[in-house]
C-alpha atoms as a PDB file:
ATOM      1  CA  MET A   1     127.039  35.160 129.699  1.00  0.00           C
ATOM      2  CA  LYS A   2     125.974  36.139 132.728  1.00  0.00           C
ATOM      3  CA  LEU A   3     122.875  35.439 134.505  1.00  0.00           C
ATOM      4  CA  PHE A   4     120.778  38.372 136.798  1.00  0.00           C
ATOM      5  CA  THR A   5     120.011  37.677 140.053  1.00  0.00           C
ATOM      6  CA  LYS A   6     116.607  39.212 141.975  1.00  0.00           C
ATOM      7  CA  THR A   7     118.820  41.926 143.597  1.00  0.00           C
ATOM      8  CA  GLU A   8     119.868  43.488 139.697  1.00  0.00           C
ATOM      9  CA  LYS A   9     117.850  46.126 138.199  1.00  0.00           C
ATOM     10  CA  ASN A  10     117.248  46.812 134.717  1.00  0.00           C
ATOM     11  CA  LYS A  11     118.726  50.680 134.458  1.00  0.00           C
ATOM     12  CA  SER A  12     117.781  51.294 130.847  1.00  0.00           C
ATOM     13  CA  GLY A  13     114.281  52.878 131.396  1.00  0.00           C
ATOM     14  CA  MET A  14     112.696  55.903 133.158  1.00  0.00           C
ATOM     15  CA  THR A  15     110.301  55.202 135.731  1.00  0.00           C
ATOM     16  CA  LEU A  16     106.691  56.707 135.427  1.00  0.00           C
ATOM     17  CA  ILE A  17     106.655  58.814 138.272  1.00  0.00           C
ATOM     18  CA  GLU A  18     109.799  61.134 136.103  1.00  0.00           C
ATOM     19  CA  ILE A  19     107.324  60.742 132.896  1.00  0.00           C
ATOM     20  CA  LEU A  20     105.263  62.279 134.749  1.00  0.00           C
ATOM     21  CA  LEU A  21     107.246  64.797 135.631  1.00  0.00           C
ATOM     22  CA  TYR A  22     108.177  65.980 132.400  1.00  0.00           C
ATOM     23  CA  LEU A  23     104.980  65.675 130.763  1.00  0.00           C
ATOM     24  CA  SER A  24     104.305  68.536 133.715  1.00  0.00           C
ATOM     25  CA  ILE A  25     107.068  70.374 133.143  1.00  0.00           C
ATOM     26  CA  SER A  26     106.759  70.435 129.313  1.00  0.00           C
ATOM     27  CA  ALA A  27     102.513  71.004 129.963  1.00  0.00           C
ATOM     28  CA  GLY A  28     103.906  73.867 131.789  1.00  0.00           C
ATOM     29  CA  VAL A  29     106.615  75.894 129.347  1.00  0.00           C
ATOM     30  CA  LEU A  30     104.092  74.892 126.849  1.00  0.00           C
ATOM     31  CA  LEU A  31     101.438  76.716 128.824  1.00  0.00           C
ATOM     32  CA  THR A  32     103.638  80.280 129.234  1.00  0.00           C
ATOM     33  CA  ILE A  33     104.057  79.810 126.267  1.00  0.00           C
ATOM     34  CA  SER A  34     100.309  80.006 124.637  1.00  0.00           C
ATOM     35  CA  VAL A  35      99.812  83.052 127.606  1.00  0.00           C
ATOM     36  CA  PHE A  36     102.088  84.631 125.832  1.00  0.00           C
ATOM     37  CA  ILE A  37     101.418  85.191 122.576  1.00  0.00           C
ATOM     38  CA  THR A  38      97.821  85.623 123.373  1.00  0.00           C
ATOM     39  CA  ALA A  39      99.621  88.434 125.248  1.00  0.00           C
ATOM     40  CA  VAL A  40     101.468  89.623 122.172  1.00  0.00           C
ATOM     41  CA  LEU A  41      98.097  89.004 120.452  1.00  0.00           C
ATOM     42  CA  ARG A  42      96.050  91.241 121.674  1.00  0.00           C
ATOM     43  CA  ALA A  43      98.609  93.956 122.176  1.00  0.00           C
ATOM     44  CA  ARG A  44      99.090  94.226 118.211  1.00  0.00           C
ATOM     45  CA  VAL A  45      95.123  94.370 117.917  1.00  0.00           C
ATOM     46  CA  LYS A  46      95.016  96.678 120.371  1.00  0.00           C
ATOM     47  CA  ASN A  47      97.786  98.705 119.138  1.00  0.00           C
ATOM     48  CA  GLU A  48      95.796  98.579 115.291  1.00  0.00           C
ATOM     49  CA  SER A  49      92.581 100.321 117.372  1.00  0.00           C
ATOM     50  CA  ILE A  50      94.615 103.020 118.728  1.00  0.00           C
ATOM     51  CA  THR A  51      96.304 103.949 115.134  1.00  0.00           C
ATOM     52  CA  LEU A  52      92.922 103.214 113.231  1.00  0.00           C
ATOM     53  CA  VAL A  53      91.346 105.755 115.191  1.00  0.00           C
ATOM     54  CA  ASN A  54      94.231 108.270 114.958  1.00  0.00           C
ATOM     55  CA  GLU A  55      94.477 107.851 111.094  1.00  0.00           C
ATOM     56  CA  GLU A  56      91.260 107.961 110.612  1.00  0.00           C
ATOM     57  CA  ALA A  57      91.095 111.030 113.037  1.00  0.00           C
ATOM     58  CA  VAL A  58      94.122 112.986 110.875  1.00  0.00           C
ATOM     59  CA  GLN A  59      91.728 111.805 107.717  1.00  0.00           C
ATOM     60  CA  ILE A  60      88.240 114.085 108.740  1.00  0.00           C
ATOM     61  CA  ILE A  61      90.595 116.755 111.016  1.00  0.00           C
ATOM     62  CA  SER A  62      91.876 117.092 107.201  1.00  0.00           C
ATOM     63  CA  GLN A  63      88.527 117.111 105.033  1.00  0.00           C
ATOM     64  CA  PHE A  64      87.210 119.571 107.516  1.00  0.00           C
ATOM     65  CA  GLU A  65      89.751 121.258 106.755  1.00  0.00           C
ATOM     66  CA  ARG A  66      89.567 121.422 102.760  1.00  0.00           C
ATOM     67  CA  GLU A  67      85.834 122.019 102.973  1.00  0.00           C
ATOM     68  CA  ILE A  68      85.126 125.033 106.107  1.00  0.00           C
ATOM     69  CA  ALA A  69      88.388 127.289 105.578  1.00  0.00           C
ATOM     70  CA  ASP A  70      87.854 128.925 102.240  1.00  0.00           C
ATOM     71  CA  ALA A  71      84.549 129.424 103.796  1.00  0.00           C
ATOM     72  CA  ASP A  72      82.234 132.981 103.050  1.00  0.00           C
ATOM     73  CA  ILE A  73      79.524 132.634 104.609  1.00  0.00           C
ATOM     74  CA  ILE A  74      78.708 130.375 108.477  1.00  0.00           C
ATOM     75  CA  THR A  75      75.341 129.925 108.201  1.00  0.00           C
ATOM     76  CA  GLN A  76      75.358 127.934 110.894  1.00  0.00           C
ATOM     77  CA  PRO A  77      76.048 127.704 114.793  1.00  0.00           C
ATOM     78  CA  THR A  78      75.566 131.589 114.793  1.00  0.00           C
ATOM     79  CA  GLU A  79      78.432 133.820 116.171  1.00  0.00           C
ATOM     80  CA  GLY A  80      80.056 132.375 119.615  1.00  0.00           C
ATOM     81  CA  THR A  81      77.380 129.487 120.235  1.00  0.00           C
ATOM     82  CA  SER A  82      77.852 125.486 119.471  1.00  0.00           C
ATOM     83  CA  ALA A  83      75.503 123.186 117.273  1.00  0.00           C
ATOM     84  CA  ALA A  84      75.920 119.434 116.122  1.00  0.00           C
ATOM     85  CA  THR A  85      76.223 120.518 112.727  1.00  0.00           C
ATOM     86  CA  LEU A  86      78.176 123.507 110.386  1.00  0.00           C
ATOM     87  CA  GLY A  87      76.464 125.004 107.753  1.00  0.00           C
ATOM     88  CA  PHE A  88      78.914 127.618 105.600  1.00  0.00           C
ATOM     89  CA  GLN A  89      78.919 128.608 101.871  1.00  0.00           C
ATOM     90  CA  VAL A  90      81.322 129.763  99.037  1.00  0.00           C
ATOM     91  CA  VAL A  91      80.346 132.825  97.573  1.00  0.00           C
ATOM     92  CA  GLY A  92      78.588 131.890  94.576  1.00  0.00           C
ATOM     93  CA  ASP A  93      78.501 127.522  95.059  1.00  0.00           C
ATOM     94  CA  PRO A  94      75.447 125.585  97.397  1.00  0.00           C
ATOM     95  CA  VAL A  95      75.267 125.495 100.820  1.00  0.00           C
ATOM     96  CA  GLU A  96      77.608 123.045 102.510  1.00  0.00           C
ATOM     97  CA  THR A  97      76.540 121.204 105.516  1.00  0.00           C
ATOM     98  CA  ILE A  98      79.056 119.001 107.833  1.00  0.00           C
ATOM     99  CA  THR A  99      76.570 116.844 111.146  1.00  0.00           C
ATOM    100  CA  LEU A 100      76.385 113.742 112.498  1.00  0.00           C
ATOM    101  CA  GLN A 101      74.132 111.086 111.813  1.00  0.00           C
ATOM    102  CA  THR A 102      73.954 108.274 113.943  1.00  0.00           C
ATOM    103  CA  ASP A 103      77.469 106.912 114.351  1.00  0.00           C
ATOM    104  CA  THR A 104      79.044 108.658 111.335  1.00  0.00           C
ATOM    105  CA  ILE A 105      79.964 112.419 110.124  1.00  0.00           C
ATOM    106  CA  VAL A 106      78.470 112.814 106.471  1.00  0.00           C
ATOM    107  CA  TYR A 107      79.158 115.650 104.252  1.00  0.00           C
ATOM    108  CA  THR A 108      76.675 117.218 102.124  1.00  0.00           C
ATOM    109  CA  LEU A 109      76.886 119.779  98.872  1.00  0.00           C
ATOM    110  CA  THR A 110      73.369 120.896  97.937  1.00  0.00           C
ATOM    111  CA  GLY A 111      71.854 118.499  95.599  1.00  0.00           C
ATOM    112  CA  ASN A 112      75.110 115.878  95.956  1.00  0.00           C
ATOM    113  CA  PRO A 113      75.181 112.984  97.668  1.00  0.00           C
ATOM    114  CA  GLU A 114      75.996 112.604 101.290  1.00  0.00           C
ATOM    115  CA  ILE A 115      79.645 111.394 101.258  1.00  0.00           C
ATOM    116  CA  ASP A 116      80.888 109.801 104.880  1.00  0.00           C
ATOM    117  CA  LEU A 117      83.735 111.363 106.893  1.00  0.00           C
ATOM    118  CA  ASN A 118      84.836 107.693 108.947  1.00  0.00           C
ATOM    119  CA  SER A 119      84.518 104.481 107.352  1.00  0.00           C
ATOM    120  CA  THR A 120      82.898 101.368 109.318  1.00  0.00           C
ATOM    121  CA  ASN A 121      85.496 100.022 111.243  1.00  0.00           C
ATOM    122  CA  THR A 122      85.391 103.280 113.794  1.00  0.00           C
ATOM    123  CA  ASN A 123      81.956 105.514 115.123  1.00  0.00           C
ATOM    124  CA  VAL A 124      81.951 109.104 116.436  1.00  0.00           C
ATOM    125  CA  THR A 125      80.245 109.050 119.579  1.00  0.00           C
ATOM    126  CA  SER A 126      79.880 113.008 120.062  1.00  0.00           C
ATOM    127  CA  LEU A 127      80.292 116.412 117.317  1.00  0.00           C
ATOM    128  CA  SER A 128      80.321 120.028 118.216  1.00  0.00           C
ATOM    129  CA  PHE A 129      81.107 122.684 116.402  1.00  0.00           C
ATOM    130  CA  THR A 130      81.320 126.382 118.000  1.00  0.00           C
ATOM    131  CA  ARG A 131      81.651 129.521 116.158  1.00  0.00           C
ATOM    132  CA  MET A 132      84.284 131.297 117.738  1.00  0.00           C
ATOM    133  CA  ASN A 133      83.491 135.698 117.801  1.00  0.00           C
ATOM    134  CA  THR A 134      84.533 137.527 114.197  1.00  0.00           C
ATOM    135  CA  ILE A 135      87.900 139.251 114.607  1.00  0.00           C
ATOM    136  CA  SER A 136      88.540 141.624 111.368  1.00  0.00           C
ATOM    137  CA  ASP A 137      88.217 139.567 108.821  1.00  0.00           C
ATOM    138  CA  ASN A 138      89.345 136.335 110.223  1.00  0.00           C
ATOM    139  CA  GLU A 139      86.800 133.731 111.823  1.00  0.00           C
ATOM    140  CA  SER A 140      87.377 130.377 113.765  1.00  0.00           C
ATOM    141  CA  ILE A 141      85.692 127.019 113.884  1.00  0.00           C
ATOM    142  CA  LYS A 142      86.782 124.541 117.034  1.00  0.00           C
ATOM    143  CA  ILE A 143      85.467 121.354 116.411  1.00  0.00           C
ATOM    144  CA  GLU A 144      85.631 118.655 119.054  1.00  0.00           C
ATOM    145  CA  PHE A 145      84.659 114.950 117.771  1.00  0.00           C
ATOM    146  CA  THR A 146      84.758 112.032 119.984  1.00  0.00           C
ATOM    147  CA  LEU A 147      85.633 108.408 117.469  1.00  0.00           C
ATOM    148  CA  GLU A 148      85.698 105.282 119.244  1.00  0.00           C
ATOM    149  CA  ARG A 149      86.624 101.630 117.635  1.00  0.00           C
ATOM    150  CA  ASN A 150      83.455  99.933 115.953  1.00  0.00           C
ATOM    151  CA  ASN A 151      83.783  96.832 118.507  1.00  0.00           C
ATOM    152  CA  ILE A 152      80.826  94.772 117.279  1.00  0.00           C
ATOM    153  CA  ASN A 153      82.757  91.340 119.086  1.00  0.00           C
ATOM    154  CA  ASN A 154      82.962  93.869 122.785  1.00  0.00           C
ATOM    155  CA  LEU A 155      86.620  92.376 123.022  1.00  0.00           C
ATOM    156  CA  ASN A 156      88.431  94.324 125.372  1.00  0.00           C
ATOM    157  CA  GLU A 157      91.220  94.796 122.672  1.00  0.00           C
ATOM    158  CA  TYR A 158      89.006  96.668 120.299  1.00  0.00           C
ATOM    159  CA  GLU A 159      88.125  99.407 122.973  1.00  0.00           C
ATOM    160  CA  TYR A 160      89.180 103.047 122.520  1.00  0.00           C
ATOM    161  CA  SER A 161      88.196 106.237 122.188  1.00  0.00           C
ATOM    162  CA  LYS A 162      89.770 109.435 121.977  1.00  0.00           C
ATOM    163  CA  THR A 163      88.163 113.219 121.556  1.00  0.00           C
ATOM    164  CA  PHE A 164      89.661 114.972 118.745  1.00  0.00           C
ATOM    165  CA  TYR A 165      89.299 118.520 119.174  1.00  0.00           C
ATOM    166  CA  THR A 166      90.717 121.526 116.532  1.00  0.00           C
ATOM    167  CA  THR A 167      90.376 124.973 115.549  1.00  0.00           C
ATOM    168  CA  ILE A 168      90.175 125.803 111.720  1.00  0.00           C
ATOM    169  CA  ASN A 169      90.840 129.582 111.190  1.00  0.00           C
ATOM    170  CA  ILE A 170      88.493 130.784 108.244  1.00  0.00           C
ATOM    171  CA  ASN A 171      90.273 133.585 106.035  1.00  0.00           C
ATOM    172  CA  ARG A 172      87.942 136.150 104.434  1.00  0.00           C
ATOM    173  CA  LYS A 173      89.118 136.719 100.946  1.00  0.00           C
ATOM    174  CA  THR A 174      89.811 140.890 100.914  1.00  0.00           C
ATOM    175  CA  GLY A 175      90.761 141.881  97.375  1.00  0.00           C
ATOM    176  CA  GLU A 176      93.672 142.789  98.664  1.00  0.00           C
ATOM    177  CA  PRO A 177      96.544 141.154  96.442  1.00  0.00           C
ATOM    178  CA  GLU A 178      98.793 139.163  99.132  1.00  0.00           C
ATOM    179  CA  THR A 179     102.640 140.487  99.878  1.00  0.00           C
ATOM    180  CA  TYR A 180     105.359 137.769  99.675  1.00  0.00           C
ATOM    181  CA  ILE A 181     108.809 138.276 101.418  1.00  0.00           C
END
């Protein structure tokens, strides 16, 4: 059996300084990982906001094209002017309107309930219809609207706004048969 002297040290454990060093390194690594994960999650939410706004704009423009392209009569705005409301009609049908109410684009067919064209996840901040000059049997409506992500919590990653432009050509029906080649 071996007896220990006062000068020999027990080297099987860790010192307090080593423990503190390991804890501070571990805390630094965990902090870095948490900051990275937070940044990734915020970027994901920002991308979702951008995608939401762009997809809703495509749906709104598609709805505009479906409703406006077959119009026979544009009641407002007058030729060469801009307005926040578009009024149009297919001969024999009721008047249809598209307008901005508060932060929603609303489509109305006279005698029917209003239809919201954007969801509650987005707000429309501006809407403008410009009636281009009539050229023979064709007419164009230039549409401009700004769509933004609804940001009720005022978080930076939900902030996204974009202005969209489109032009819809209205082909007047002349009664002549179409020729296909």
